[in-house]
Each structure stands twice: as structure tokens, then as C-alpha cells.
Protein backbone atom coordinates (compact mmCIF):
# COMPACT_ATOMS: atom_id res chain seq x y z
CA MET A 1 38.52 -56.75 68.03
CA THR A 2 39.49 -55.90 71.61
CA PHE A 3 38.45 -52.82 73.58
CA GLU A 4 40.13 -52.07 76.90
CA LEU A 5 39.09 -49.41 79.37
CA GLY A 6 41.18 -47.85 82.10
CA VAL A 7 42.13 -44.72 83.99
CA CYS A 8 45.05 -42.32 83.86
CA SER A 9 45.91 -39.87 86.63
CA PHE A 10 48.52 -37.19 87.31
CA GLY A 11 47.59 -37.26 90.99
CA ASN A 12 45.64 -34.37 92.43
CA THR A 13 46.67 -32.68 95.65
CA PRO A 14 43.49 -32.27 97.74
CA ARG A 15 42.05 -28.87 98.57
CA LEU A 16 41.64 -27.58 102.10
CA ALA A 17 38.61 -25.77 103.48
CA ASP A 18 40.32 -22.40 102.98
CA GLY A 19 40.86 -23.11 99.28
CA GLY A 20 44.56 -23.90 99.62
CA ARG A 21 46.29 -27.17 98.88
CA GLY A 22 46.78 -30.02 101.30
CA PRO A 23 49.89 -32.20 101.50
CA THR A 24 51.19 -33.62 98.24
CA ALA A 25 51.75 -36.91 100.07
CA GLN A 26 47.98 -37.33 100.22
CA ALA A 27 47.75 -37.15 96.44
CA LEU A 28 50.01 -40.20 96.16
CA ARG A 29 48.01 -42.14 98.74
CA ASP A 30 44.79 -41.24 96.90
CA VAL A 31 46.24 -42.48 93.60
CA LEU A 32 47.26 -45.79 95.14
CA GLU A 33 43.76 -46.25 96.54
CA ALA A 34 42.25 -45.41 93.14
CA ILE A 35 44.46 -48.03 91.50
CA MET A 36 43.30 -50.66 94.01
CA VAL A 37 39.66 -49.73 93.34
CA ALA A 38 40.21 -49.96 89.57
CA ASP A 39 41.76 -53.41 90.03
CA GLU A 40 38.88 -54.51 92.26
CA VAL A 41 36.13 -53.53 89.83
CA GLY A 42 37.82 -55.04 86.79
CA LEU A 43 39.28 -52.20 84.74
CA ASP A 44 42.01 -53.20 82.32
CA PHE A 45 44.59 -50.48 82.85
CA PHE A 46 45.82 -47.71 85.15
CA GLY A 47 48.45 -45.22 84.03
CA VAL A 48 50.21 -42.53 86.07
CA GLY A 49 51.49 -39.37 84.40
CA GLU A 50 54.63 -37.41 85.23
CA HIS A 51 54.37 -33.85 86.48
CA HIS A 52 56.49 -31.81 88.89
CA MET A 53 53.93 -29.40 90.32
CA ARG A 54 52.13 -28.90 93.62
CA ALA A 55 48.74 -29.55 92.06
CA MET A 56 49.92 -32.69 90.23
CA PRO A 57 52.88 -34.14 92.14
CA LEU A 58 53.43 -37.58 90.59
CA SER A 59 57.08 -37.03 89.72
CA SER A 60 58.40 -40.56 90.40
CA LEU A 61 56.17 -42.77 88.30
CA THR A 62 58.17 -45.95 88.60
CA SER A 63 57.84 -45.74 92.40
CA VAL A 64 54.06 -45.53 92.10
CA VAL A 65 53.97 -48.41 89.62
CA ASN A 66 56.06 -50.59 91.96
CA ALA A 67 53.81 -49.78 94.92
CA ALA A 68 50.74 -50.61 92.84
CA ALA A 69 52.28 -53.81 91.50
CA ALA A 70 52.58 -55.11 95.07
CA VAL A 71 48.91 -54.52 96.00
CA THR A 72 46.99 -55.39 92.80
CA HIS A 73 46.23 -58.69 91.11
CA ARG A 74 45.17 -58.36 87.47
CA ILE A 75 45.15 -54.75 86.24
CA ARG A 76 47.89 -53.60 83.86
CA LEU A 77 50.00 -50.72 85.17
CA SER A 78 51.94 -48.15 83.23
CA THR A 79 53.65 -44.81 83.23
CA ALA A 80 51.57 -42.48 81.07
CA VAL A 81 53.75 -40.74 80.34
CA THR A 82 57.44 -40.89 81.32
CA VAL A 83 59.27 -37.73 80.23
CA LEU A 84 62.18 -39.70 78.84
CA SER A 85 64.22 -36.73 77.59
CA THR A 86 65.24 -35.84 81.15
CA ASP A 87 65.27 -39.31 82.70
CA ASP A 88 67.79 -42.14 82.58
CA PRO A 89 66.49 -44.90 80.27
CA ILE A 90 68.49 -47.63 82.00
CA ARG A 91 67.13 -46.69 85.42
CA VAL A 92 63.60 -46.43 84.02
CA PHE A 93 63.97 -49.94 82.61
CA GLN A 94 65.42 -51.35 85.84
CA GLN A 95 62.68 -49.85 88.00
CA LEU A 96 59.87 -51.07 85.76
CA ALA A 97 61.54 -54.47 85.34
CA THR A 98 61.43 -54.67 89.13
CA ALA A 99 57.69 -54.00 89.02
CA ALA A 100 57.33 -56.61 86.28
CA SER A 101 59.00 -59.14 88.58
CA LEU A 102 56.23 -58.48 91.13
CA ALA A 103 53.45 -58.35 88.53
CA PRO A 104 54.54 -60.43 85.50
CA GLY A 105 52.93 -59.40 82.24
CA ARG A 106 51.20 -56.37 83.76
CA ILE A 107 53.78 -53.58 83.42
CA GLU A 108 54.05 -51.17 80.48
CA LEU A 109 55.40 -47.69 79.86
CA VAL A 110 54.61 -44.75 77.63
CA ALA A 111 57.61 -42.60 76.64
CA ARG A 112 57.23 -39.00 75.49
CA ARG A 113 59.34 -35.87 75.11
CA GLY A 114 57.01 -33.96 77.42
CA SER A 115 54.59 -31.09 76.90
CA SER A 116 56.79 -28.56 78.70
CA THR A 117 60.47 -27.97 79.41
CA ILE A 118 60.05 -27.68 83.20
CA THR A 119 62.24 -30.76 83.81
CA PHE A 120 65.24 -29.47 81.83
CA PRO A 121 66.52 -26.94 84.39
CA LEU A 122 65.38 -29.22 87.23
CA PHE A 123 67.66 -32.05 86.05
CA ASP A 124 70.32 -29.83 84.52
CA HIS A 125 69.71 -30.51 80.83
CA ASP A 126 69.97 -28.10 77.91
CA GLU A 127 66.64 -27.34 76.23
CA ARG A 128 68.45 -27.13 72.90
CA ASP A 129 68.96 -30.91 73.17
CA TYR A 130 65.20 -31.50 73.50
CA ASP A 131 64.78 -33.83 70.53
CA MET A 132 68.26 -35.37 70.55
CA LEU A 133 67.89 -36.50 74.16
CA TYR A 134 64.51 -38.07 73.52
CA ALA A 135 65.51 -39.91 70.35
CA SER A 136 68.77 -41.20 71.82
CA LYS A 137 67.32 -42.27 75.16
CA LEU A 138 64.33 -43.97 73.51
CA ALA A 139 66.69 -45.97 71.30
CA LEU A 140 68.69 -47.07 74.35
CA LEU A 141 65.56 -47.98 76.29
CA MET A 142 64.38 -50.17 73.44
CA ALA A 143 67.82 -51.81 73.19
CA VAL A 144 68.09 -52.81 76.85
CA ASN A 145 64.46 -53.96 76.82
CA ALA A 146 65.01 -56.16 73.77
CA GLY A 147 67.66 -58.45 75.23
CA GLU A 148 70.96 -59.07 76.92
CA ASN A 149 74.58 -58.32 76.00
CA VAL A 150 73.79 -54.90 74.59
CA THR A 151 76.45 -52.99 72.71
CA TRP A 152 75.22 -49.46 72.08
CA ASN A 153 76.35 -45.89 71.68
CA GLY A 154 74.43 -42.66 71.26
CA PRO A 155 74.85 -38.89 71.48
CA HIS A 156 73.52 -38.52 75.02
CA ARG A 157 76.23 -40.79 76.50
CA ASN A 158 79.89 -39.99 77.10
CA ARG A 159 80.95 -43.62 76.72
CA PRO A 160 79.47 -46.60 74.83
CA LEU A 161 77.99 -49.72 76.33
CA GLU A 162 79.92 -52.91 75.54
CA ALA A 163 78.09 -56.23 75.89
CA VAL A 164 76.09 -54.98 78.88
CA THR A 165 73.08 -56.78 80.37
CA VAL A 166 70.77 -54.66 82.48
CA PHE A 167 69.18 -56.38 85.49
CA PRO A 168 66.67 -57.42 86.62
CA ARG A 169 65.28 -59.00 83.46
CA PRO A 170 61.49 -59.16 83.14
CA GLU A 171 60.09 -62.55 82.14
CA GLU A 172 58.93 -60.92 78.91
CA PRO A 173 59.96 -57.56 77.41
CA LEU A 174 58.12 -54.50 78.68
CA ARG A 175 55.55 -53.12 76.28
CA ILE A 176 56.69 -49.63 75.25
CA TRP A 177 54.25 -47.08 73.79
CA LEU A 178 55.21 -43.81 72.15
CA GLY A 179 53.18 -40.90 73.50
CA THR A 180 52.36 -37.76 71.56
CA GLY A 181 50.20 -34.71 71.97
CA GLY A 182 49.72 -34.30 68.23
CA SER A 183 53.15 -33.91 66.62
CA PRO A 184 53.16 -35.45 63.12
CA ASP A 185 56.86 -36.24 63.60
CA SER A 186 55.98 -38.38 66.63
CA VAL A 187 53.39 -40.30 64.62
CA TYR A 188 55.97 -41.27 62.03
CA ARG A 189 58.60 -41.92 64.70
CA ALA A 190 56.26 -44.48 66.27
CA VAL A 191 55.84 -46.19 62.89
CA GLU A 192 59.57 -46.16 62.18
CA LEU A 193 60.28 -47.81 65.55
CA GLY A 194 57.35 -50.21 65.30
CA LEU A 195 55.75 -48.91 68.51
CA PRO A 196 52.08 -48.55 69.43
CA MET A 197 50.97 -44.92 69.78
CA LEU A 198 49.17 -43.07 72.56
CA LEU A 199 47.47 -39.77 71.72
CA GLY A 200 47.11 -37.36 74.65
CA ILE A 201 44.18 -35.11 73.71
CA LEU A 202 43.18 -31.85 75.40
CA GLY A 203 40.87 -30.41 72.74
CA GLY A 204 39.91 -30.39 69.10
CA THR A 205 37.42 -32.64 67.35
CA PRO A 206 37.22 -36.39 66.77
CA GLU A 207 37.64 -35.75 63.04
CA HIS A 208 40.88 -33.86 63.65
CA TRP A 209 42.39 -36.61 65.78
CA ALA A 210 41.13 -39.39 63.53
CA ARG A 211 43.49 -38.03 60.87
CA TYR A 212 46.39 -38.99 63.13
CA GLY A 213 45.01 -42.50 63.32
CA HIS A 214 44.65 -42.71 59.54
CA ALA A 215 48.19 -41.39 59.02
CA TYR A 216 49.63 -43.83 61.57
CA ARG A 217 47.90 -46.86 60.08
CA ALA A 218 48.70 -45.88 56.49
CA ALA A 219 52.39 -45.40 57.32
CA TRP A 220 52.34 -48.61 59.39
CA ALA A 221 51.04 -50.60 56.42
CA GLU A 222 53.53 -48.96 54.06
CA ALA A 223 56.37 -49.95 56.40
CA GLY A 224 55.23 -53.57 56.22
CA HIS A 225 54.45 -54.00 59.92
CA PRO A 226 51.75 -56.56 60.88
CA ALA A 227 48.37 -54.83 60.67
CA GLU A 228 47.12 -56.38 63.92
CA GLN A 229 49.88 -54.63 65.87
CA ALA A 230 48.95 -51.08 64.80
CA ASP A 231 47.53 -50.26 68.22
CA ILE A 232 46.41 -46.76 69.14
CA ALA A 233 45.44 -45.54 72.61
CA VAL A 234 43.59 -42.31 73.31
CA ALA A 235 43.61 -40.33 76.58
CA VAL A 236 40.98 -37.61 76.62
CA HIS A 237 39.19 -35.60 79.30
CA GLY A 238 35.55 -36.26 80.03
CA PHE A 239 33.22 -36.68 82.96
CA VAL A 240 30.74 -39.12 84.51
CA ALA A 241 27.68 -37.92 86.46
CA GLU A 242 24.04 -38.78 87.00
CA SER A 243 22.87 -36.68 84.04
CA GLY A 244 24.27 -34.87 81.01
CA PRO A 245 23.67 -31.32 82.33
CA GLN A 246 25.17 -32.21 85.71
CA ALA A 247 28.21 -33.77 84.06
CA ARG A 248 28.73 -30.77 81.78
CA SER A 249 28.44 -28.24 84.61
CA ALA A 250 30.80 -30.08 86.94
CA TYR A 251 33.22 -30.90 84.14
CA LEU A 252 33.59 -27.29 83.04
CA GLU A 253 34.03 -26.00 86.60
CA TYR A 254 36.77 -28.43 87.58
CA GLU A 255 38.39 -28.61 84.16
CA HIS A 256 38.79 -24.84 83.86
CA ARG A 257 40.19 -24.55 87.38
CA MET A 258 42.62 -27.39 86.81
CA MET A 259 43.84 -25.91 83.52
CA ALA A 260 44.21 -22.42 85.02
CA GLU A 261 46.22 -23.63 88.02
CA GLY A 262 48.36 -26.02 86.01
CA MET A 263 49.23 -23.43 83.39
CA ALA A 264 49.99 -20.86 86.09
CA GLU A 265 52.58 -23.21 87.64
CA LEU A 266 54.17 -23.56 84.20
CA GLY A 267 54.09 -19.80 83.65
CA ARG A 268 51.58 -20.03 80.81
CA PRO A 269 48.16 -18.43 80.28
CA ALA A 270 45.16 -20.69 80.74
CA PRO A 271 43.00 -21.41 77.68
CA PRO A 272 39.74 -19.44 77.62
CA ARG A 273 36.83 -21.08 79.40
CA ALA A 274 34.91 -20.97 76.11
CA ASP A 275 37.50 -23.25 74.52
CA ARG A 276 36.92 -25.89 77.18
CA ALA A 277 33.16 -25.46 76.87
CA ALA A 278 33.37 -26.08 73.14
CA ALA A 279 34.87 -29.51 73.82
CA ALA A 280 31.64 -30.50 75.59
CA GLU A 281 29.37 -29.40 72.74
CA PRO A 282 28.27 -31.58 69.80
CA GLY A 283 31.31 -32.27 67.65
CA GLY A 284 33.74 -31.79 70.56
CA MET A 285 36.00 -34.40 72.14
CA VAL A 286 33.78 -34.81 75.22
CA ARG A 287 30.60 -36.55 74.08
CA ARG A 288 27.35 -36.45 76.05
CA ARG A 289 24.59 -39.03 75.81
CA PRO A 290 21.66 -37.05 74.32
CA HIS A 291 19.01 -39.06 76.17
CA PRO A 292 18.88 -40.71 79.61
CA PRO A 293 20.64 -44.08 79.48
CA PRO A 294 18.51 -47.22 79.73
CA ALA A 295 18.07 -48.64 83.19
CA ARG A 296 20.43 -51.46 84.07
CA ALA A 297 21.46 -53.32 87.15
CA ALA A 298 24.00 -51.41 89.19
CA ARG A 299 26.45 -52.67 91.77
CA THR A 300 25.49 -51.14 95.12
CA TYR A 301 27.54 -50.59 98.25
CA PRO A 302 26.52 -50.03 101.89
CA PRO A 303 27.27 -46.64 103.49
CA ASP A 304 30.78 -46.08 104.78
CA PRO A 305 31.11 -46.87 108.50
CA PRO A 306 31.64 -44.10 111.10
CA ASP A 307 35.39 -44.79 111.34
CA GLY A 308 35.88 -43.30 107.87
CA ARG A 309 37.04 -46.47 106.14
CA ARG A 310 35.61 -47.07 102.67
CA ARG A 311 34.02 -50.47 102.43
CA HIS A 312 34.81 -50.89 98.75
CA ALA A 313 38.56 -50.31 99.14
CA PRO A 314 41.05 -53.00 100.18
CA ALA A 315 42.14 -52.58 103.78
CA ARG A 316 45.81 -52.02 102.92
CA LEU A 317 45.49 -48.22 102.93
CA PRO A 318 44.74 -47.00 106.49
CA ALA A 319 41.84 -44.59 106.93
CA ARG A 320 44.16 -41.93 108.34
CA HIS A 321 45.87 -41.75 104.94
CA ARG A 322 42.71 -41.02 102.98
CA THR A 323 41.63 -37.55 101.96
CA PRO A 324 39.36 -36.17 104.72
CA ARG A 325 36.07 -34.57 103.82
CA HIS A 326 36.34 -30.96 104.97
CA GLU A 327 33.31 -28.82 105.74
CA GLY A 328 32.01 -27.25 102.57
CA ALA A 329 33.71 -29.74 100.26
CA PRO A 330 31.57 -30.75 97.27
CA SER A 331 29.73 -33.95 98.00
CA GLY A 332 29.48 -34.95 94.35
CA PRO A 333 32.08 -34.73 91.61
CA GLY A 334 35.76 -34.31 92.38
CA ARG A 335 38.34 -34.98 89.74
CA VAL A 336 39.96 -38.41 90.10
CA GLY A 337 41.74 -38.69 86.77
CA GLU A 338 41.51 -39.29 83.08
CA ALA A 339 40.00 -42.47 81.82
CA MET A 340 41.87 -44.11 79.03
CA SER A 341 40.76 -46.91 76.77
CA ARG A 342 43.52 -48.92 75.26
CA GLY A 343 44.01 -52.03 73.22
CA ARG A 344 46.21 -55.04 72.73
CA PRO A 345 46.76 -57.00 69.50
CA ARG A 346 44.04 -59.65 69.61
CA GLY A 347 43.47 -60.05 65.89
CA ALA A 348 42.72 -56.47 64.89
CA ALA A 349 44.05 -53.08 65.89
CA THR A 350 41.50 -50.56 67.16
CA TRP A 351 41.04 -46.87 67.81
CA ARG A 352 39.77 -46.20 71.30
CA ALA A 353 37.79 -43.43 73.00
CA ALA A 354 37.78 -42.51 76.70
CA VAL A 355 35.83 -40.81 79.48
CA SER A 356 37.09 -39.20 82.67
CA ILE A 357 35.90 -40.31 86.08
CA GLY A 358 34.94 -37.46 88.40
CA LEU A 359 33.48 -39.09 91.50
CA ARG A 360 34.85 -40.20 94.88
CA GLY A 361 34.33 -42.97 97.41
CA PRO A 362 31.77 -45.68 96.55
CA GLN A 363 30.65 -43.44 93.67
CA VAL A 364 33.99 -44.13 91.98
CA VAL A 365 33.26 -47.83 91.89
CA ALA A 366 29.68 -47.34 90.69
CA ALA A 367 30.75 -44.90 87.97
CA ILE A 368 33.63 -47.09 86.78
CA GLN A 369 31.43 -50.18 86.81
CA SER A 370 28.69 -48.33 84.92
CA ALA A 371 31.13 -46.98 82.33
CA ARG A 372 32.60 -50.42 81.81
CA GLN A 373 29.36 -52.37 81.27
CA PRO A 374 28.73 -51.28 77.66
CA MET A 375 32.24 -52.43 76.73
CA ALA A 376 31.12 -56.06 76.57
CA SER A 377 30.55 -55.52 72.85
CA PRO A 378 33.48 -54.90 70.47
CA GLY A 379 34.98 -51.41 70.50
CA ARG A 380 34.00 -48.85 67.87
CA ARG A 381 36.59 -48.61 65.13
CA VAL A 382 37.12 -45.00 64.08
CA GLY A 383 40.66 -44.71 62.74
């Protein structure tokens, strides 16, 4: 049984001292630095998620993946998720195949319809074609990924492809995951297509989401697919801090603010604060250790030098491109991204849990390293 741990981020535009937002360009530089840190400390995976908002500006995921492919060495990189309904599947493949040429065997993608329709007017698509566009484009993406000389036709294209080979070709096919926020139809679509499934979870209980895992695996077995390839990934919010109460307090503050601002940009009401608090209680999706963890050796880092460079980060990202610490900024937690645990077929499929990392600077490395240490033992099978 294999258990893999990683991070997923939408990118977070930094706050200024007056409470406003800084440049969105800084969010992209911060994400690239976080990816380099994750690679340095030995995480398995880093995924970047598509949004088109000031607070979360990672709109060109394949660009970020290509940049990361050029400055990392072992970590797997992925879109998580690509909103395929309003993208071009051939271009998505070409751009990620380019990254796979730079980082062979380390590039994946997660395709999803999307949790909102914000990209439809932006890219001049009709919302009434929501499901047709996704199904047709996913089929084409899988076809061009599978091999050369592709002959294909589908409802989203005006003309068919005739014996077309899309270049560049990766040395091995890209691994494609199907992402879902809880649609039963998406669960069965993943089984029908023989794809691993990623569950994006914002609330609920482990028991509720385990039902999706049971349904996926039961349908997978009924379809006759190899049992060891029934992989499920889970992305879920959480938090890491020095103690349970500190983690809960910081988590609820930043989580509620993030949800309120994100929903406001989409023109939706934010969920009540009590709903987010419930996720951090016993039985919720965000689990707290009930007792202090046992002492263990921790990787330590010297203080950052006066020039502002972070000793733990590779020197490729200049100090002037890092988020400055403004007066009054919190010195402790600051949302970095979602942590995602994922798996590959190594003899048995697994269900994976996750925790979010909410620290900055050298604390990021210490928190990630600390969270990863218990994973030396096999992952807990839930589904």
C-alpha cells in the first residue's frame, strides 16, 4: 500500500498593510517558491488549481507547471484542477507534454467541469453546453494522450480530426485524473473512462465522503478494471500549528475570510462561520490530534539573513520577488495552500486524507517535514 502526501494551491494574492490586496504577480512567485520548498523537503506532489479571481489568480496552470518543471528535481506536478469545459484539450495536452519533456514522468493533470460558470462568459462559451463541452473535450484529451494518428470527432468541434498526431509527445502518456466536488455522475464517469478520481472536499463528514469511495470501488470492480488501479485522491482543508487550539483558531479565521472573499467575487453568499467551525469539531473533515504529539527530532533552520533571503529556499527566486512582511502582518499562520495526499498503483489502491499547511518561511519546511514523518508507515485505508 502506498501513501503519498503533497500540497495543492490556488495561489493567494498577498495582503497589504491597509487590508487591500497586493499584486497578483506576487501570488505566482510565492507559489513557485512553495513548489521549490516542497520539492526540497521531499513531498510527493504539488498541484495548482485554476481560478480567475484577484484573491486566487492562478488562471494559466500549464504555465505554472512548466515553470516548476524547470526548477524542481523529483516532485510530481499537476493541474488540480483544469477547468476543461472552457479550455482547449489539445493545447492543454501540448503544454503539459512540454512540461513532461522537461520533467519526464513527473507531470499529471486533473480535469473537471468546474465549480462555477465564471469561465463561460470569459471565454465566450454557452453555459447550456456545460456538460457536453466537458464530456467531449475530456474524450479528445484522452485520445490525443493515448497515441498518435488520432482520428476523432465530437460535438464541440466544427470539423473532425483525421490521422492527426499532436506534438510534442511525452515519453509516457500523461496521467489524467477526473476531479469532482461530489457529483455521483462524475464518480461513475471516472469508472466508465477508467480514470483515477480526485475528490475536492469543502465540508461534510468522513462518513459522507467515504460513500463516494465505496461507490467508486464497487463500480470499478463491476466494470472489470484492475483493482490495484482504483486510485482515489482527496483534497481537503485543514491546518498545521503548534497546538490544536492554535490551529483551530487560526484555521477558522483565515478559512472564513477566504470563503467570504472568494464567494463575493463569484457573486455568491459565503457559508455561515458556524458551518466552517463544524468541520473542525469531532466528526468533521478537519481532524485535530486530541493530545500533544510525541516529541520527535525536527529539522531546524538558522534565522533568515538581514537581506531578506530565505535560507531554506533555492536561490533561483530573487528576494525582491518574495512577499514582504508588512508592519502588523501576522507572524504565525498565513494560508499557503491545501495539502493533498495522493496515491499511485503500487499493489493496492488506497483512500487518502490530507491536511492544509498554514505557515510561512522556514516554518513551512518544518511543518511540511513534521506532517510527512508519520507517513513512513502504510496509509490508512478508509474507502
